[in-house]
Amino acid sequence: MREASDFSAHQMQRENWRSENMGTEYLYQCHKCLYLHNSFEGVGFAYPYVYHEVMEDIRNGKYGEKYSKYIQEHPDAAVDASEVLFKCEHCGEFVTAPELSIYLPKPGYHAPKNDAAWSVEVPCYSMDYVDNSDLKQREGEKARPRNYDFIFRIEQRCEKCNSPLVLVDTSDETKIRCPKCGMYLKRDDIGDWD
């Protein structure tokens, strides 16, 4: 039989592996008005392709000319293309979308070309991408030096009302409120996704 401390160490090891290799599906639910929001957060097997697509969208002006110009002027810029939860600051609608934080390499750092397989299912050999674990520390991860500095986050807008989207701090459930009735939402981890 496993000791409690063994279980927590095993659970932490599993969480660290999962946070680096899989996305997580969450269900946000309100027990008062029964509001539900299903969200696929993190990264999956196709992350290098997603990264490439997001960078192309930025370069082509999907998020605005100033961001396109910045990326063109800084070809070594990197983007965090992992899926995160946003909330509209006007209508309260939840949206899962790429984070779109922009980073630049620290002075003297030259990012190597990714020539290792990203995954067995989607190898992505020689794709030009930066793994989001190189950009920032994940929840529960031990601190380690990063080779990139955060510069800014691209502003995204709500498709319903065109108001700005705000990144939700999902590490603290007491900050996640129902857009319909204002009560706190419960977040359930319902599975992994690739």
C-alpha atoms as a PDB file:
ATOM      1  CA  MET A   1       0.000   0.000   0.000  1.00  0.00           C
ATOM      2  CA  ARG A   2       1.271   3.437  -0.907  1.00  0.00           C
ATOM      3  CA  GLU A   3       1.976   5.992   1.833  1.00  0.00           C
ATOM      4  CA  ALA A   4       0.239   9.395   1.561  1.00  0.00           C
ATOM      5  CA  SER A   5       3.594  11.121   1.001  1.00  0.00           C
ATOM      6  CA  ASP A   6       4.393   8.609  -1.784  1.00  0.00           C
ATOM      7  CA  PHE A   7       1.042   9.332  -3.400  1.00  0.00           C
ATOM      8  CA  SER A   8       1.537  13.094  -3.297  1.00  0.00           C
ATOM      9  CA  ALA A   9       5.054  12.746  -4.761  1.00  0.00           C
ATOM     10  CA  HIS A  10       3.666  10.421  -7.462  1.00  0.00           C
ATOM     11  CA  GLN A  11       0.766  12.814  -8.118  1.00  0.00           C
ATOM     12  CA  MET A  12       3.174  15.793  -8.403  1.00  0.00           C
ATOM     13  CA  GLN A  13       5.378  13.818 -10.807  1.00  0.00           C
ATOM     14  CA  ARG A  14       2.309  12.966 -12.919  1.00  0.00           C
ATOM     15  CA  GLU A  15       1.159  16.609 -12.890  1.00  0.00           C
ATOM     16  CA  ASN A  16       4.611  17.824 -13.957  1.00  0.00           C
ATOM     17  CA  TRP A  17       4.717  15.285 -16.808  1.00  0.00           C
ATOM     18  CA  ARG A  18       1.193  16.182 -17.854  1.00  0.00           C
ATOM     19  CA  SER A  19       1.817  19.942 -17.754  1.00  0.00           C
ATOM     20  CA  GLU A  20       4.748  19.519 -20.123  1.00  0.00           C
ATOM     21  CA  ASN A  21       3.169  17.046 -22.529  1.00  0.00           C
ATOM     22  CA  MET A  22      -0.586  17.325 -22.526  1.00  0.00           C
ATOM     23  CA  GLY A  23      -3.414  19.757 -22.304  1.00  0.00           C
ATOM     24  CA  THR A  24      -6.123  19.494 -19.670  1.00  0.00           C
ATOM     25  CA  GLU A  25      -9.861  19.614 -20.191  1.00  0.00           C
ATOM     26  CA  TYR A  26     -11.706  21.547 -17.480  1.00  0.00           C
ATOM     27  CA  LEU A  27     -15.363  21.987 -16.720  1.00  0.00           C
ATOM     28  CA  TYR A  28     -16.260  25.266 -15.008  1.00  0.00           C
ATOM     29  CA  GLN A  29     -19.678  25.052 -13.372  1.00  0.00           C
ATOM     30  CA  CYS A  30     -21.933  27.223 -11.268  1.00  0.00           C
ATOM     31  CA  HIS A  31     -23.981  25.382  -8.676  1.00  0.00           C
ATOM     32  CA  LYS A  32     -26.453  28.267  -8.349  1.00  0.00           C
ATOM     33  CA  CYS A  33     -27.585  28.911 -11.944  1.00  0.00           C
ATOM     34  CA  LEU A  34     -26.080  25.746 -13.518  1.00  0.00           C
ATOM     35  CA  TYR A  35     -23.887  27.703 -15.972  1.00  0.00           C
ATOM     36  CA  LEU A  36     -21.276  25.446 -17.629  1.00  0.00           C
ATOM     37  CA  HIS A  37     -18.143  26.192 -19.639  1.00  0.00           C
ATOM     38  CA  ASN A  38     -15.937  23.455 -21.085  1.00  0.00           C
ATOM     39  CA  SER A  39     -12.328  24.504 -21.717  1.00  0.00           C
ATOM     40  CA  PHE A  40      -9.379  22.714 -23.332  1.00  0.00           C
ATOM     41  CA  GLU A  41      -6.285  24.405 -21.876  1.00  0.00           C
ATOM     42  CA  GLY A  42      -2.560  23.887 -22.370  1.00  0.00           C
ATOM     43  CA  VAL A  43      -0.841  22.272 -25.340  1.00  0.00           C
ATOM     44  CA  GLY A  44      -1.372  19.103 -27.310  1.00  0.00           C
ATOM     45  CA  PHE A  45       0.479  16.917 -29.798  1.00  0.00           C
ATOM     46  CA  ALA A  46       0.104  19.431 -32.619  1.00  0.00           C
ATOM     47  CA  TYR A  47       1.648  22.357 -30.682  1.00  0.00           C
ATOM     48  CA  PRO A  48       4.420  23.054 -33.258  1.00  0.00           C
ATOM     49  CA  TYR A  49       1.775  23.371 -35.985  1.00  0.00           C
ATOM     50  CA  VAL A  50      -0.397  25.548 -33.751  1.00  0.00           C
ATOM     51  CA  TYR A  51       2.646  27.708 -32.915  1.00  0.00           C
ATOM     52  CA  HIS A  52       3.449  28.130 -36.602  1.00  0.00           C
ATOM     53  CA  GLU A  53      -0.177  29.004 -37.433  1.00  0.00           C
ATOM     54  CA  VAL A  54      -0.401  31.561 -34.595  1.00  0.00           C
ATOM     55  CA  MET A  55       2.853  33.240 -35.691  1.00  0.00           C
ATOM     56  CA  GLU A  56       1.564  33.409 -39.263  1.00  0.00           C
ATOM     57  CA  ASP A  57      -1.701  34.977 -38.033  1.00  0.00           C
ATOM     58  CA  ILE A  58       0.293  37.614 -36.124  1.00  0.00           C
ATOM     59  CA  ARG A  59       2.579  38.308 -39.107  1.00  0.00           C
ATOM     60  CA  ASN A  60      -0.430  38.593 -41.427  1.00  0.00           C
ATOM     61  CA  GLY A  61      -2.158  41.173 -39.207  1.00  0.00           C
ATOM     62  CA  LYS A  62      -4.997  39.096 -37.732  1.00  0.00           C
ATOM     63  CA  TYR A  63      -4.457  40.760 -34.324  1.00  0.00           C
ATOM     64  CA  GLY A  64      -3.563  44.189 -35.678  1.00  0.00           C
ATOM     65  CA  GLU A  65      -0.937  45.973 -37.714  1.00  0.00           C
ATOM     66  CA  LYS A  66       1.203  47.029 -34.726  1.00  0.00           C
ATOM     67  CA  TYR A  67       1.698  43.392 -33.652  1.00  0.00           C
ATOM     68  CA  SER A  68       2.438  42.318 -37.224  1.00  0.00           C
ATOM     69  CA  LYS A  69       5.041  45.071 -37.515  1.00  0.00           C
ATOM     70  CA  TYR A  70       6.620  44.123 -34.166  1.00  0.00           C
ATOM     71  CA  ILE A  71       7.009  40.451 -35.169  1.00  0.00           C
ATOM     72  CA  GLN A  72       8.469  41.447 -38.545  1.00  0.00           C
ATOM     73  CA  GLU A  73      10.932  43.808 -36.826  1.00  0.00           C
ATOM     74  CA  HIS A  74      11.885  41.114 -34.279  1.00  0.00           C
ATOM     75  CA  PRO A  75      12.195  37.828 -36.197  1.00  0.00           C
ATOM     76  CA  ASP A  76      13.606  36.140 -33.078  1.00  0.00           C
ATOM     77  CA  ALA A  77      10.419  36.893 -31.108  1.00  0.00           C
ATOM     78  CA  ALA A  78       8.524  33.930 -29.654  1.00  0.00           C
ATOM     79  CA  VAL A  79       4.857  33.548 -28.768  1.00  0.00           C
ATOM     80  CA  ASP A  80       3.139  31.468 -26.113  1.00  0.00           C
ATOM     81  CA  ALA A  81       0.517  29.728 -28.231  1.00  0.00           C
ATOM     82  CA  SER A  82      -0.814  27.501 -25.432  1.00  0.00           C
ATOM     83  CA  GLU A  83      -4.572  27.574 -24.895  1.00  0.00           C
ATOM     84  CA  VAL A  84      -5.692  29.535 -21.811  1.00  0.00           C
ATOM     85  CA  LEU A  85      -8.939  30.838 -20.346  1.00  0.00           C
ATOM     86  CA  PHE A  86      -9.979  34.441 -20.945  1.00  0.00           C
ATOM     87  CA  LYS A  87     -13.050  36.346 -19.766  1.00  0.00           C
ATOM     88  CA  CYS A  88     -14.623  39.330 -21.501  1.00  0.00           C
ATOM     89  CA  GLU A  89     -14.392  42.357 -19.235  1.00  0.00           C
ATOM     90  CA  HIS A  90     -17.780  43.635 -20.467  1.00  0.00           C
ATOM     91  CA  CYS A  91     -20.180  40.716 -21.037  1.00  0.00           C
ATOM     92  CA  GLY A  92     -18.328  38.151 -18.877  1.00  0.00           C
ATOM     93  CA  GLU A  93     -18.207  35.504 -21.620  1.00  0.00           C
ATOM     94  CA  PHE A  94     -15.472  32.866 -21.177  1.00  0.00           C
ATOM     95  CA  VAL A  95     -13.239  32.148 -24.169  1.00  0.00           C
ATOM     96  CA  THR A  96     -10.439  29.611 -24.547  1.00  0.00           C
ATOM     97  CA  ALA A  97      -7.792  30.966 -26.914  1.00  0.00           C
ATOM     98  CA  PRO A  98      -4.018  31.077 -27.436  1.00  0.00           C
ATOM     99  CA  GLU A  99      -2.328  33.159 -24.744  1.00  0.00           C
ATOM    100  CA  LEU A 100      -0.429  35.299 -27.283  1.00  0.00           C
ATOM    101  CA  SER A 101       2.260  36.531 -24.906  1.00  0.00           C
ATOM    102  CA  ILE A 102       5.284  37.756 -26.845  1.00  0.00           C
ATOM    103  CA  TYR A 103       8.835  37.070 -25.654  1.00  0.00           C
ATOM    104  CA  LEU A 104      12.301  38.010 -26.869  1.00  0.00           C
ATOM    105  CA  PRO A 105      15.470  35.985 -26.282  1.00  0.00           C
ATOM    106  CA  LYS A 106      17.724  37.302 -23.554  1.00  0.00           C
ATOM    107  CA  PRO A 107      20.830  39.118 -24.831  1.00  0.00           C
ATOM    108  CA  GLY A 108      23.366  36.635 -26.155  1.00  0.00           C
ATOM    109  CA  TYR A 109      20.899  33.731 -26.407  1.00  0.00           C
ATOM    110  CA  HIS A 110      20.374  32.248 -29.856  1.00  0.00           C
ATOM    111  CA  ALA A 111      17.553  29.729 -29.966  1.00  0.00           C
ATOM    112  CA  PRO A 112      18.544  26.454 -31.599  1.00  0.00           C
ATOM    113  CA  LYS A 113      16.395  25.020 -34.366  1.00  0.00           C
ATOM    114  CA  ASN A 114      14.059  22.381 -32.961  1.00  0.00           C
ATOM    115  CA  ASP A 115      15.152  19.200 -34.691  1.00  0.00           C
ATOM    116  CA  ALA A 116      13.882  16.661 -32.171  1.00  0.00           C
ATOM    117  CA  ALA A 117      10.465  15.073 -32.399  1.00  0.00           C
ATOM    118  CA  TRP A 118       7.741  16.936 -30.496  1.00  0.00           C
ATOM    119  CA  SER A 119       5.713  13.752 -30.096  1.00  0.00           C
ATOM    120  CA  VAL A 120       5.381  10.292 -31.557  1.00  0.00           C
ATOM    121  CA  GLU A 121       2.011  11.112 -33.124  1.00  0.00           C
ATOM    122  CA  VAL A 122       3.039  14.481 -34.600  1.00  0.00           C
ATOM    123  CA  PRO A 123       6.847  14.501 -34.927  1.00  0.00           C
ATOM    124  CA  CYS A 124       7.226  18.049 -36.390  1.00  0.00           C
ATOM    125  CA  TYR A 125      10.896  17.617 -37.253  1.00  0.00           C
ATOM    126  CA  SER A 126      12.699  20.882 -38.043  1.00  0.00           C
ATOM    127  CA  MET A 127       9.642  23.036 -37.348  1.00  0.00           C
ATOM    128  CA  ASP A 128      10.358  26.576 -36.246  1.00  0.00           C
ATOM    129  CA  TYR A 129       8.716  26.887 -32.818  1.00  0.00           C
ATOM    130  CA  VAL A 130       9.565  27.655 -29.220  1.00  0.00           C
ATOM    131  CA  ASP A 131       8.192  25.307 -26.560  1.00  0.00           C
ATOM    132  CA  ASN A 132       6.127  27.339 -24.083  1.00  0.00           C
ATOM    133  CA  SER A 133       8.027  25.683 -21.202  1.00  0.00           C
ATOM    134  CA  ASP A 134      11.074  27.648 -22.418  1.00  0.00           C
ATOM    135  CA  LEU A 135       9.127  30.886 -22.005  1.00  0.00           C
ATOM    136  CA  LYS A 136       7.653  30.783 -18.515  1.00  0.00           C
ATOM    137  CA  GLN A 137       7.427  28.834 -15.299  1.00  0.00           C
ATOM    138  CA  ARG A 138       4.381  26.631 -14.944  1.00  0.00           C
ATOM    139  CA  GLU A 139       2.292  26.304 -11.827  1.00  0.00           C
ATOM    140  CA  GLY A 140       4.040  23.945  -9.388  1.00  0.00           C
ATOM    141  CA  GLU A 141       7.268  23.820 -11.418  1.00  0.00           C
ATOM    142  CA  LYS A 142      10.606  24.461  -9.734  1.00  0.00           C
ATOM    143  CA  ALA A 143      12.202  27.744 -10.734  1.00  0.00           C
ATOM    144  CA  ARG A 144      14.814  27.479 -13.461  1.00  0.00           C
ATOM    145  CA  PRO A 145      16.513  30.075 -15.655  1.00  0.00           C
ATOM    146  CA  ARG A 146      14.581  31.047 -18.760  1.00  0.00           C
ATOM    147  CA  ASN A 147      16.190  32.193 -21.990  1.00  0.00           C
ATOM    148  CA  TYR A 148      13.376  34.585 -22.908  1.00  0.00           C
ATOM    149  CA  ASP A 149      11.972  37.805 -21.447  1.00  0.00           C
ATOM    150  CA  PHE A 150       8.250  38.617 -21.460  1.00  0.00           C
ATOM    151  CA  ILE A 151       7.573  41.715 -23.586  1.00  0.00           C
ATOM    152  CA  PHE A 152       3.769  42.068 -23.863  1.00  0.00           C
ATOM    153  CA  ARG A 153       0.537  40.144 -24.397  1.00  0.00           C
ATOM    154  CA  ILE A 154      -1.405  40.733 -27.595  1.00  0.00           C
ATOM    155  CA  GLU A 155      -4.834  42.131 -26.802  1.00  0.00           C
ATOM    156  CA  GLN A 156      -7.700  39.917 -27.905  1.00  0.00           C
ATOM    157  CA  ARG A 157     -11.332  40.920 -28.161  1.00  0.00           C
ATOM    158  CA  CYS A 158     -14.637  39.216 -27.404  1.00  0.00           C
ATOM    159  CA  GLU A 159     -16.418  37.925 -30.504  1.00  0.00           C
ATOM    160  CA  LYS A 160     -19.818  38.747 -28.959  1.00  0.00           C
ATOM    161  CA  CYS A 161     -19.319  42.377 -27.867  1.00  0.00           C
ATOM    162  CA  ASN A 162     -15.821  43.337 -29.121  1.00  0.00           C
ATOM    163  CA  SER A 163     -14.621  44.265 -25.613  1.00  0.00           C
ATOM    164  CA  PRO A 164     -11.127  43.286 -24.402  1.00  0.00           C
ATOM    165  CA  LEU A 165     -10.538  39.777 -23.089  1.00  0.00           C
ATOM    166  CA  VAL A 166      -8.753  39.433 -19.737  1.00  0.00           C
ATOM    167  CA  LEU A 167      -6.601  36.418 -18.862  1.00  0.00           C
ATOM    168  CA  VAL A 168      -8.219  34.435 -16.021  1.00  0.00           C
ATOM    169  CA  ASP A 169      -6.058  33.367 -13.086  1.00  0.00           C
ATOM    170  CA  THR A 170      -7.203  29.742 -12.970  1.00  0.00           C
ATOM    171  CA  SER A 171      -4.862  28.886 -10.088  1.00  0.00           C
ATOM    172  CA  ASP A 172      -7.326  30.480  -7.636  1.00  0.00           C
ATOM    173  CA  GLU A 173     -10.951  29.325  -7.962  1.00  0.00           C
ATOM    174  CA  THR A 174     -12.115  32.191  -5.735  1.00  0.00           C
ATOM    175  CA  LYS A 175     -11.326  34.568  -8.614  1.00  0.00           C
ATOM    176  CA  ILE A 176     -13.449  32.744 -11.187  1.00  0.00           C
ATOM    177  CA  ARG A 177     -17.013  34.064 -11.136  1.00  0.00           C
ATOM    178  CA  CYS A 178     -20.053  32.988 -13.109  1.00  0.00           C
ATOM    179  CA  PRO A 179     -20.854  35.414 -15.956  1.00  0.00           C
ATOM    180  CA  LYS A 180     -24.589  34.817 -15.454  1.00  0.00           C
ATOM    181  CA  CYS A 181     -25.149  35.145 -11.681  1.00  0.00           C
ATOM    182  CA  GLY A 182     -21.780  36.208 -10.216  1.00  0.00           C
ATOM    183  CA  MET A 183     -21.293  33.192  -7.938  1.00  0.00           C
ATOM    184  CA  TYR A 184     -17.946  31.406  -7.789  1.00  0.00           C
ATOM    185  CA  LEU A 185     -17.417  28.664 -10.344  1.00  0.00           C
ATOM    186  CA  LYS A 186     -16.104  25.232  -9.459  1.00  0.00           C
ATOM    187  CA  ARG A 187     -13.371  23.950 -11.773  1.00  0.00           C
ATOM    188  CA  ASP A 188     -13.197  20.203 -12.373  1.00  0.00           C
ATOM    189  CA  ASP A 189     -10.292  18.533 -14.168  1.00  0.00           C
ATOM    190  CA  ILE A 190     -12.164  16.099 -16.418  1.00  0.00           C
ATOM    191  CA  GLY A 191      -9.370  14.750 -18.566  1.00  0.00           C
ATOM    192  CA  ASP A 192      -6.302  15.189 -20.708  1.00  0.00           C
ATOM    193  CA  TRP A 193      -6.219  16.096 -24.363  1.00  0.00           C
ATOM    194  CA  ASP A 194      -3.633  15.956 -27.103  1.00  0.00           C
END
